[in-house]
């Protein structure tokens, strides 16, 4: 059955956002973490999506909000326990994403052995760029991703430095979580993550293929 939904607007209807942590060795090192033997992943709700023109909100309970720039892989068809060899056939395209992280909250969660939901899943925690059809990116492991805050370069990394390749991630994740059309996998962040404040402007891009800009604002507590 033909889908009436456009993959180019996956953020409007895609169900799952699967985020991979510690997939660049330098980032694992800067966070004081050991390199993972298997992919480490967690989920964000689809309500975390944010498009250009709206601000990233620092949660009311957070005083140390960090940026993490990542290549996003948009799933093009239902994927369950797919082999690494066939995994790329399930990719519909790509997007640039930010995994915004309440770092102080995450440290508290880690200390108490609690899930990372408060730190990673809040509204506006997943800003996304325009969709890039997979034909435009012949090799997603040969890309440069970068991020600037107020015009200063903070993060710059090559996707060739990923510990686990995209086929590896899709195969591993799809054995545990069935991936649906329109789902997004965030493939990890290079080193250089850091704090942003209210009023800061974040600009991020994939080489010279695309870029996006977001302003940071402060969430006010309603209750």
C-alpha atoms as a PDB file:
ATOM      1  CA  UNK A   1       0.000   0.000   0.000  1.00  0.00           C
ATOM      2  CA  UNK A   2       1.432   3.388  -0.960  1.00  0.00           C
ATOM      3  CA  UNK A   3       2.021   5.660   1.988  1.00  0.00           C
ATOM      4  CA  UNK A   4       0.391   9.076   1.833  1.00  0.00           C
ATOM      5  CA  UNK A   5       2.955  10.338   4.327  1.00  0.00           C
ATOM      6  CA  UNK A   6       6.077  11.990   3.017  1.00  0.00           C
ATOM      7  CA  UNK A   7       9.370  10.715   4.417  1.00  0.00           C
ATOM      8  CA  UNK A   8      10.702  14.242   3.814  1.00  0.00           C
ATOM      9  CA  UNK A   9       8.551  15.317   6.797  1.00  0.00           C
ATOM     10  CA  UNK A  10       9.359  12.330   9.016  1.00  0.00           C
ATOM     11  CA  UNK A  11       9.356  14.513  12.156  1.00  0.00           C
ATOM     12  CA  UNK A  12       5.595  15.030  11.798  1.00  0.00           C
ATOM     13  CA  UNK A  13       4.656  11.338  12.022  1.00  0.00           C
ATOM     14  CA  UNK A  14       7.712   9.162  12.755  1.00  0.00           C
ATOM     15  CA  UNK A  15       7.257   7.270  16.021  1.00  0.00           C
ATOM     16  CA  UNK A  16      10.675   6.513  17.451  1.00  0.00           C
ATOM     17  CA  UNK A  17      13.875   8.452  18.034  1.00  0.00           C
ATOM     18  CA  UNK A  18      16.664   6.020  18.905  1.00  0.00           C
ATOM     19  CA  UNK A  19      19.841   7.713  20.160  1.00  0.00           C
ATOM     20  CA  UNK A  20      23.236   6.024  20.230  1.00  0.00           C
ATOM     21  CA  UNK A  21      25.639   7.124  22.955  1.00  0.00           C
ATOM     22  CA  UNK A  22      29.446   6.998  23.039  1.00  0.00           C
ATOM     23  CA  UNK A  23      29.873   6.182  19.348  1.00  0.00           C
ATOM     24  CA  UNK A  24      32.933   8.412  18.892  1.00  0.00           C
ATOM     25  CA  UNK A  25      36.005   7.484  20.941  1.00  0.00           C
ATOM     26  CA  UNK A  26      37.071  11.094  21.615  1.00  0.00           C
ATOM     27  CA  UNK A  27      33.622  11.975  22.971  1.00  0.00           C
ATOM     28  CA  UNK A  28      33.570   8.891  25.217  1.00  0.00           C
ATOM     29  CA  UNK A  29      36.995   9.985  26.501  1.00  0.00           C
ATOM     30  CA  UNK A  30      35.945  13.597  27.185  1.00  0.00           C
ATOM     31  CA  UNK A  31      32.950  12.279  29.189  1.00  0.00           C
ATOM     32  CA  UNK A  32      35.211   9.915  31.158  1.00  0.00           C
ATOM     33  CA  UNK A  33      33.468   6.819  29.783  1.00  0.00           C
ATOM     34  CA  UNK A  34      34.943   3.514  28.668  1.00  0.00           C
ATOM     35  CA  UNK A  35      34.460   2.564  25.007  1.00  0.00           C
ATOM     36  CA  UNK A  36      31.353   0.401  24.614  1.00  0.00           C
ATOM     37  CA  UNK A  37      31.675  -3.226  23.511  1.00  0.00           C
ATOM     38  CA  UNK A  38      28.157  -3.051  22.046  1.00  0.00           C
ATOM     39  CA  UNK A  39      26.093  -0.045  20.977  1.00  0.00           C
ATOM     40  CA  UNK A  40      24.578   1.873  23.877  1.00  0.00           C
ATOM     41  CA  UNK A  41      21.209   3.373  23.020  1.00  0.00           C
ATOM     42  CA  UNK A  42      18.286   5.204  24.606  1.00  0.00           C
ATOM     43  CA  UNK A  43      15.030   6.710  23.345  1.00  0.00           C
ATOM     44  CA  UNK A  44      13.537  10.168  22.979  1.00  0.00           C
ATOM     45  CA  UNK A  45       9.798  10.693  22.441  1.00  0.00           C
ATOM     46  CA  UNK A  46       8.701  12.031  19.061  1.00  0.00           C
ATOM     47  CA  UNK A  47       7.516  15.178  20.890  1.00  0.00           C
ATOM     48  CA  UNK A  48      11.224  16.027  21.329  1.00  0.00           C
ATOM     49  CA  UNK A  49      11.409  17.079  17.648  1.00  0.00           C
ATOM     50  CA  UNK A  50      12.087  20.755  16.983  1.00  0.00           C
ATOM     51  CA  UNK A  51      12.264  22.566  13.664  1.00  0.00           C
ATOM     52  CA  UNK A  52      14.081  25.784  12.768  1.00  0.00           C
ATOM     53  CA  UNK A  53      12.234  28.914  13.806  1.00  0.00           C
ATOM     54  CA  UNK A  54      11.355  27.627  17.280  1.00  0.00           C
ATOM     55  CA  UNK A  55      13.714  27.909  20.262  1.00  0.00           C
ATOM     56  CA  UNK A  56      15.491  25.112  22.117  1.00  0.00           C
ATOM     57  CA  UNK A  57      14.169  25.333  25.670  1.00  0.00           C
ATOM     58  CA  UNK A  58      16.529  24.740  28.561  1.00  0.00           C
ATOM     59  CA  UNK A  59      14.386  22.759  31.056  1.00  0.00           C
ATOM     60  CA  UNK A  60      13.456  24.616  34.241  1.00  0.00           C
ATOM     61  CA  UNK A  61      15.371  22.001  36.316  1.00  0.00           C
ATOM     62  CA  UNK A  62      18.600  22.244  34.273  1.00  0.00           C
ATOM     63  CA  UNK A  63      21.498  24.641  34.789  1.00  0.00           C
ATOM     64  CA  UNK A  64      23.967  22.951  32.383  1.00  0.00           C
ATOM     65  CA  UNK A  65      22.433  22.324  28.946  1.00  0.00           C
ATOM     66  CA  UNK A  66      24.836  20.734  26.434  1.00  0.00           C
ATOM     67  CA  UNK A  67      24.802  20.508  22.651  1.00  0.00           C
ATOM     68  CA  UNK A  68      25.673  17.248  20.844  1.00  0.00           C
ATOM     69  CA  UNK A  69      25.617  17.344  17.026  1.00  0.00           C
ATOM     70  CA  UNK A  70      24.820  14.034  15.301  1.00  0.00           C
ATOM     71  CA  UNK A  71      24.083  12.524  11.918  1.00  0.00           C
ATOM     72  CA  UNK A  72      20.534  11.167  11.880  1.00  0.00           C
ATOM     73  CA  UNK A  73      19.512   8.142   9.810  1.00  0.00           C
ATOM     74  CA  UNK A  74      15.868   8.096   8.698  1.00  0.00           C
ATOM     75  CA  UNK A  75      14.401   4.616   8.292  1.00  0.00           C
ATOM     76  CA  UNK A  76      12.626   4.101   4.963  1.00  0.00           C
ATOM     77  CA  UNK A  77      10.826   0.816   5.640  1.00  0.00           C
ATOM     78  CA  UNK A  78       9.951  -1.479   8.546  1.00  0.00           C
ATOM     79  CA  UNK A  79      13.105  -3.110   9.868  1.00  0.00           C
ATOM     80  CA  UNK A  80      13.236  -6.110  12.177  1.00  0.00           C
ATOM     81  CA  UNK A  81      16.394  -8.120  12.929  1.00  0.00           C
ATOM     82  CA  UNK A  82      17.984  -7.114   9.622  1.00  0.00           C
ATOM     83  CA  UNK A  83      21.524  -8.286   8.775  1.00  0.00           C
ATOM     84  CA  UNK A  84      24.343  -5.744   8.485  1.00  0.00           C
ATOM     85  CA  UNK A  85      24.650  -6.676   4.800  1.00  0.00           C
ATOM     86  CA  UNK A  86      21.005  -5.714   4.079  1.00  0.00           C
ATOM     87  CA  UNK A  87      20.709  -2.854   6.590  1.00  0.00           C
ATOM     88  CA  UNK A  88      21.389   0.043   4.212  1.00  0.00           C
ATOM     89  CA  UNK A  89      18.439  -1.016   2.024  1.00  0.00           C
ATOM     90  CA  UNK A  90      16.231   0.109   4.920  1.00  0.00           C
ATOM     91  CA  UNK A  91      17.620   3.662   4.999  1.00  0.00           C
ATOM     92  CA  UNK A  92      15.354   6.313   3.468  1.00  0.00           C
ATOM     93  CA  UNK A  93      17.624   9.301   3.999  1.00  0.00           C
ATOM     94  CA  UNK A  94      19.457  11.443   6.516  1.00  0.00           C
ATOM     95  CA  UNK A  95      19.118  14.547   8.655  1.00  0.00           C
ATOM     96  CA  UNK A  96      21.328  16.562  10.954  1.00  0.00           C
ATOM     97  CA  UNK A  97      20.198  16.416  14.575  1.00  0.00           C
ATOM     98  CA  UNK A  98      21.089  17.826  17.955  1.00  0.00           C
ATOM     99  CA  UNK A  99      20.864  15.616  21.023  1.00  0.00           C
ATOM    100  CA  UNK A 100      20.326  18.338  23.614  1.00  0.00           C
ATOM    101  CA  UNK A 101      21.304  17.055  27.044  1.00  0.00           C
ATOM    102  CA  UNK A 102      20.640  18.349  30.553  1.00  0.00           C
ATOM    103  CA  UNK A 103      24.158  17.403  31.644  1.00  0.00           C
ATOM    104  CA  UNK A 104      23.811  18.213  35.347  1.00  0.00           C
ATOM    105  CA  UNK A 105      20.613  16.137  35.464  1.00  0.00           C
ATOM    106  CA  UNK A 106      22.293  13.277  33.594  1.00  0.00           C
ATOM    107  CA  UNK A 107      25.151  13.226  36.137  1.00  0.00           C
ATOM    108  CA  UNK A 108      22.601  12.980  38.972  1.00  0.00           C
ATOM    109  CA  UNK A 109      20.733  10.189  37.158  1.00  0.00           C
ATOM    110  CA  UNK A 110      23.975   8.243  36.625  1.00  0.00           C
ATOM    111  CA  UNK A 111      24.942   8.683  40.273  1.00  0.00           C
ATOM    112  CA  UNK A 112      21.576   7.323  41.446  1.00  0.00           C
ATOM    113  CA  UNK A 113      21.389   4.584  38.807  1.00  0.00           C
ATOM    114  CA  UNK A 114      18.260   6.162  37.310  1.00  0.00           C
ATOM    115  CA  UNK A 115      17.174   6.298  33.642  1.00  0.00           C
ATOM    116  CA  UNK A 116      18.300   9.302  31.595  1.00  0.00           C
ATOM    117  CA  UNK A 117      14.800  10.401  30.588  1.00  0.00           C
ATOM    118  CA  UNK A 118      14.893  13.767  32.414  1.00  0.00           C
ATOM    119  CA  UNK A 119      18.273  14.522  30.866  1.00  0.00           C
ATOM    120  CA  UNK A 120      17.577  13.490  27.283  1.00  0.00           C
ATOM    121  CA  UNK A 121      13.853  13.301  26.495  1.00  0.00           C
ATOM    122  CA  UNK A 122      12.453  16.753  27.327  1.00  0.00           C
ATOM    123  CA  UNK A 123      10.475  18.752  24.744  1.00  0.00           C
ATOM    124  CA  UNK A 124      12.754  20.447  22.139  1.00  0.00           C
ATOM    125  CA  UNK A 125      15.639  18.049  22.922  1.00  0.00           C
ATOM    126  CA  UNK A 126      15.869  16.855  19.295  1.00  0.00           C
ATOM    127  CA  UNK A 127      16.254  19.745  16.829  1.00  0.00           C
ATOM    128  CA  UNK A 128      16.338  18.419  13.227  1.00  0.00           C
ATOM    129  CA  UNK A 129      17.324  19.770   9.831  1.00  0.00           C
ATOM    130  CA  UNK A 130      15.673  19.284   6.482  1.00  0.00           C
ATOM    131  CA  UNK A 131      15.523  15.695   5.212  1.00  0.00           C
ATOM    132  CA  UNK A 132      18.307  14.622   2.828  1.00  0.00           C
ATOM    133  CA  UNK A 133      17.339  11.776   0.448  1.00  0.00           C
ATOM    134  CA  UNK A 134      19.864   8.945   0.569  1.00  0.00           C
ATOM    135  CA  UNK A 135      20.777   9.412  -3.107  1.00  0.00           C
ATOM    136  CA  UNK A 136      22.384  12.739  -2.148  1.00  0.00           C
ATOM    137  CA  UNK A 137      24.750  11.042   0.332  1.00  0.00           C
ATOM    138  CA  UNK A 138      26.429   8.110  -1.431  1.00  0.00           C
ATOM    139  CA  UNK A 139      28.562   7.295   1.639  1.00  0.00           C
ATOM    140  CA  UNK A 140      27.301   8.453   5.062  1.00  0.00           C
ATOM    141  CA  UNK A 141      30.627   7.375   6.595  1.00  0.00           C
ATOM    142  CA  UNK A 142      32.467  10.118   4.666  1.00  0.00           C
ATOM    143  CA  UNK A 143      30.842  13.238   6.069  1.00  0.00           C
ATOM    144  CA  UNK A 144      32.001  16.119   8.220  1.00  0.00           C
ATOM    145  CA  UNK A 145      29.546  17.311  10.869  1.00  0.00           C
ATOM    146  CA  UNK A 146      30.139  20.554  12.744  1.00  0.00           C
ATOM    147  CA  UNK A 147      28.558  22.870  15.299  1.00  0.00           C
ATOM    148  CA  UNK A 148      29.177  26.508  16.249  1.00  0.00           C
ATOM    149  CA  UNK A 149      27.874  28.489  19.211  1.00  0.00           C
ATOM    150  CA  UNK A 150      27.646  32.255  18.600  1.00  0.00           C
ATOM    151  CA  UNK A 151      29.916  31.813  15.559  1.00  0.00           C
ATOM    152  CA  UNK A 152      32.646  29.870  17.406  1.00  0.00           C
ATOM    153  CA  UNK A 153      33.410  26.326  16.260  1.00  0.00           C
ATOM    154  CA  UNK A 154      32.781  23.852  19.095  1.00  0.00           C
ATOM    155  CA  UNK A 155      32.360  20.463  17.406  1.00  0.00           C
ATOM    156  CA  UNK A 156      33.796  19.087  14.188  1.00  0.00           C
ATOM    157  CA  UNK A 157      34.010  15.394  13.420  1.00  0.00           C
ATOM    158  CA  UNK A 158      34.181  12.873  10.615  1.00  0.00           C
ATOM    159  CA  UNK A 159      31.506  10.188  10.472  1.00  0.00           C
ATOM    160  CA  UNK A 160      34.308   7.780   9.481  1.00  0.00           C
ATOM    161  CA  UNK A 161      35.319   7.930  13.181  1.00  0.00           C
ATOM    162  CA  UNK A 162      32.174   6.170  14.410  1.00  0.00           C
ATOM    163  CA  UNK A 163      32.954   3.121  16.550  1.00  0.00           C
ATOM    164  CA  UNK A 164      29.892   1.252  15.219  1.00  0.00           C
ATOM    165  CA  UNK A 165      28.967   1.799  11.563  1.00  0.00           C
ATOM    166  CA  UNK A 166      25.437   2.659  10.445  1.00  0.00           C
ATOM    167  CA  UNK A 167      24.729  -0.920   9.181  1.00  0.00           C
ATOM    168  CA  UNK A 168      25.989  -2.274  12.517  1.00  0.00           C
ATOM    169  CA  UNK A 169      23.704   0.096  14.458  1.00  0.00           C
ATOM    170  CA  UNK A 170      20.622  -0.665  12.346  1.00  0.00           C
ATOM    171  CA  UNK A 171      21.203  -4.421  12.605  1.00  0.00           C
ATOM    172  CA  UNK A 172      21.844  -4.330  16.364  1.00  0.00           C
ATOM    173  CA  UNK A 173      18.960  -1.999  17.238  1.00  0.00           C
ATOM    174  CA  UNK A 174      16.432  -3.740  14.956  1.00  0.00           C
ATOM    175  CA  UNK A 175      16.951  -7.047  16.786  1.00  0.00           C
ATOM    176  CA  UNK A 176      15.769  -5.352  19.977  1.00  0.00           C
ATOM    177  CA  UNK A 177      13.418  -2.599  18.769  1.00  0.00           C
ATOM    178  CA  UNK A 178      11.482  -3.036  15.516  1.00  0.00           C
ATOM    179  CA  UNK A 179      12.144   0.109  13.489  1.00  0.00           C
ATOM    180  CA  UNK A 180       9.268   1.603  11.512  1.00  0.00           C
ATOM    181  CA  UNK A 181       9.232   3.833   8.458  1.00  0.00           C
ATOM    182  CA  UNK A 182       9.922   7.415   9.580  1.00  0.00           C
ATOM    183  CA  UNK A 183      11.896   6.397  12.684  1.00  0.00           C
ATOM    184  CA  UNK A 184      15.187   8.191  13.321  1.00  0.00           C
ATOM    185  CA  UNK A 185      18.509   6.869  14.607  1.00  0.00           C
ATOM    186  CA  UNK A 186      20.939   9.430  16.044  1.00  0.00           C
ATOM    187  CA  UNK A 187      24.392   7.956  15.454  1.00  0.00           C
ATOM    188  CA  UNK A 188      26.433   9.608  18.218  1.00  0.00           C
ATOM    189  CA  UNK A 189      28.336  12.847  18.687  1.00  0.00           C
ATOM    190  CA  UNK A 190      31.983  13.774  18.110  1.00  0.00           C
ATOM    191  CA  UNK A 191      33.988  15.458  20.872  1.00  0.00           C
ATOM    192  CA  UNK A 192      33.633  19.132  21.774  1.00  0.00           C
ATOM    193  CA  UNK A 193      30.251  19.029  23.508  1.00  0.00           C
ATOM    194  CA  UNK A 194      29.642  21.944  25.839  1.00  0.00           C
ATOM    195  CA  UNK A 195      27.249  24.274  27.588  1.00  0.00           C
ATOM    196  CA  UNK A 196      24.820  26.727  26.015  1.00  0.00           C
ATOM    197  CA  UNK A 197      23.057  29.608  27.754  1.00  0.00           C
ATOM    198  CA  UNK A 198      19.790  31.433  27.220  1.00  0.00           C
ATOM    199  CA  UNK A 199      20.169  33.691  24.158  1.00  0.00           C
ATOM    200  CA  UNK A 200      22.960  31.658  22.525  1.00  0.00           C
ATOM    201  CA  UNK A 201      22.682  30.812  18.835  1.00  0.00           C
ATOM    202  CA  UNK A 202      23.623  27.317  17.707  1.00  0.00           C
ATOM    203  CA  UNK A 203      24.519  26.721  14.071  1.00  0.00           C
ATOM    204  CA  UNK A 204      25.281  23.203  12.844  1.00  0.00           C
ATOM    205  CA  UNK A 205      25.832  21.520   9.509  1.00  0.00           C
ATOM    206  CA  UNK A 206      26.829  18.524   7.420  1.00  0.00           C
ATOM    207  CA  UNK A 207      29.880  19.693   5.443  1.00  0.00           C
ATOM    208  CA  UNK A 208      28.501  22.224   2.993  1.00  0.00           C
ATOM    209  CA  UNK A 209      25.440  20.047   2.241  1.00  0.00           C
ATOM    210  CA  UNK A 210      23.159  21.799   4.731  1.00  0.00           C
ATOM    211  CA  UNK A 211      23.107  23.876   7.895  1.00  0.00           C
ATOM    212  CA  UNK A 212      20.556  24.882  10.518  1.00  0.00           C
ATOM    213  CA  UNK A 213      20.278  27.501  13.282  1.00  0.00           C
ATOM    214  CA  UNK A 214      18.520  27.520  16.644  1.00  0.00           C
ATOM    215  CA  UNK A 215      18.292  29.997  19.508  1.00  0.00           C
ATOM    216  CA  UNK A 216      18.343  28.826  23.140  1.00  0.00           C
ATOM    217  CA  UNK A 217      15.610  30.045  25.501  1.00  0.00           C
ATOM    218  CA  UNK A 218      14.732  29.300  29.117  1.00  0.00           C
ATOM    219  CA  UNK A 219      11.689  27.195  29.998  1.00  0.00           C
ATOM    220  CA  UNK A 220       9.557  28.745  32.722  1.00  0.00           C
ATOM    221  CA  UNK A 221       7.869  26.420  35.155  1.00  0.00           C
ATOM    222  CA  UNK A 222       4.076  26.590  35.061  1.00  0.00           C
ATOM    223  CA  UNK A 223       3.351  25.157  38.508  1.00  0.00           C
END
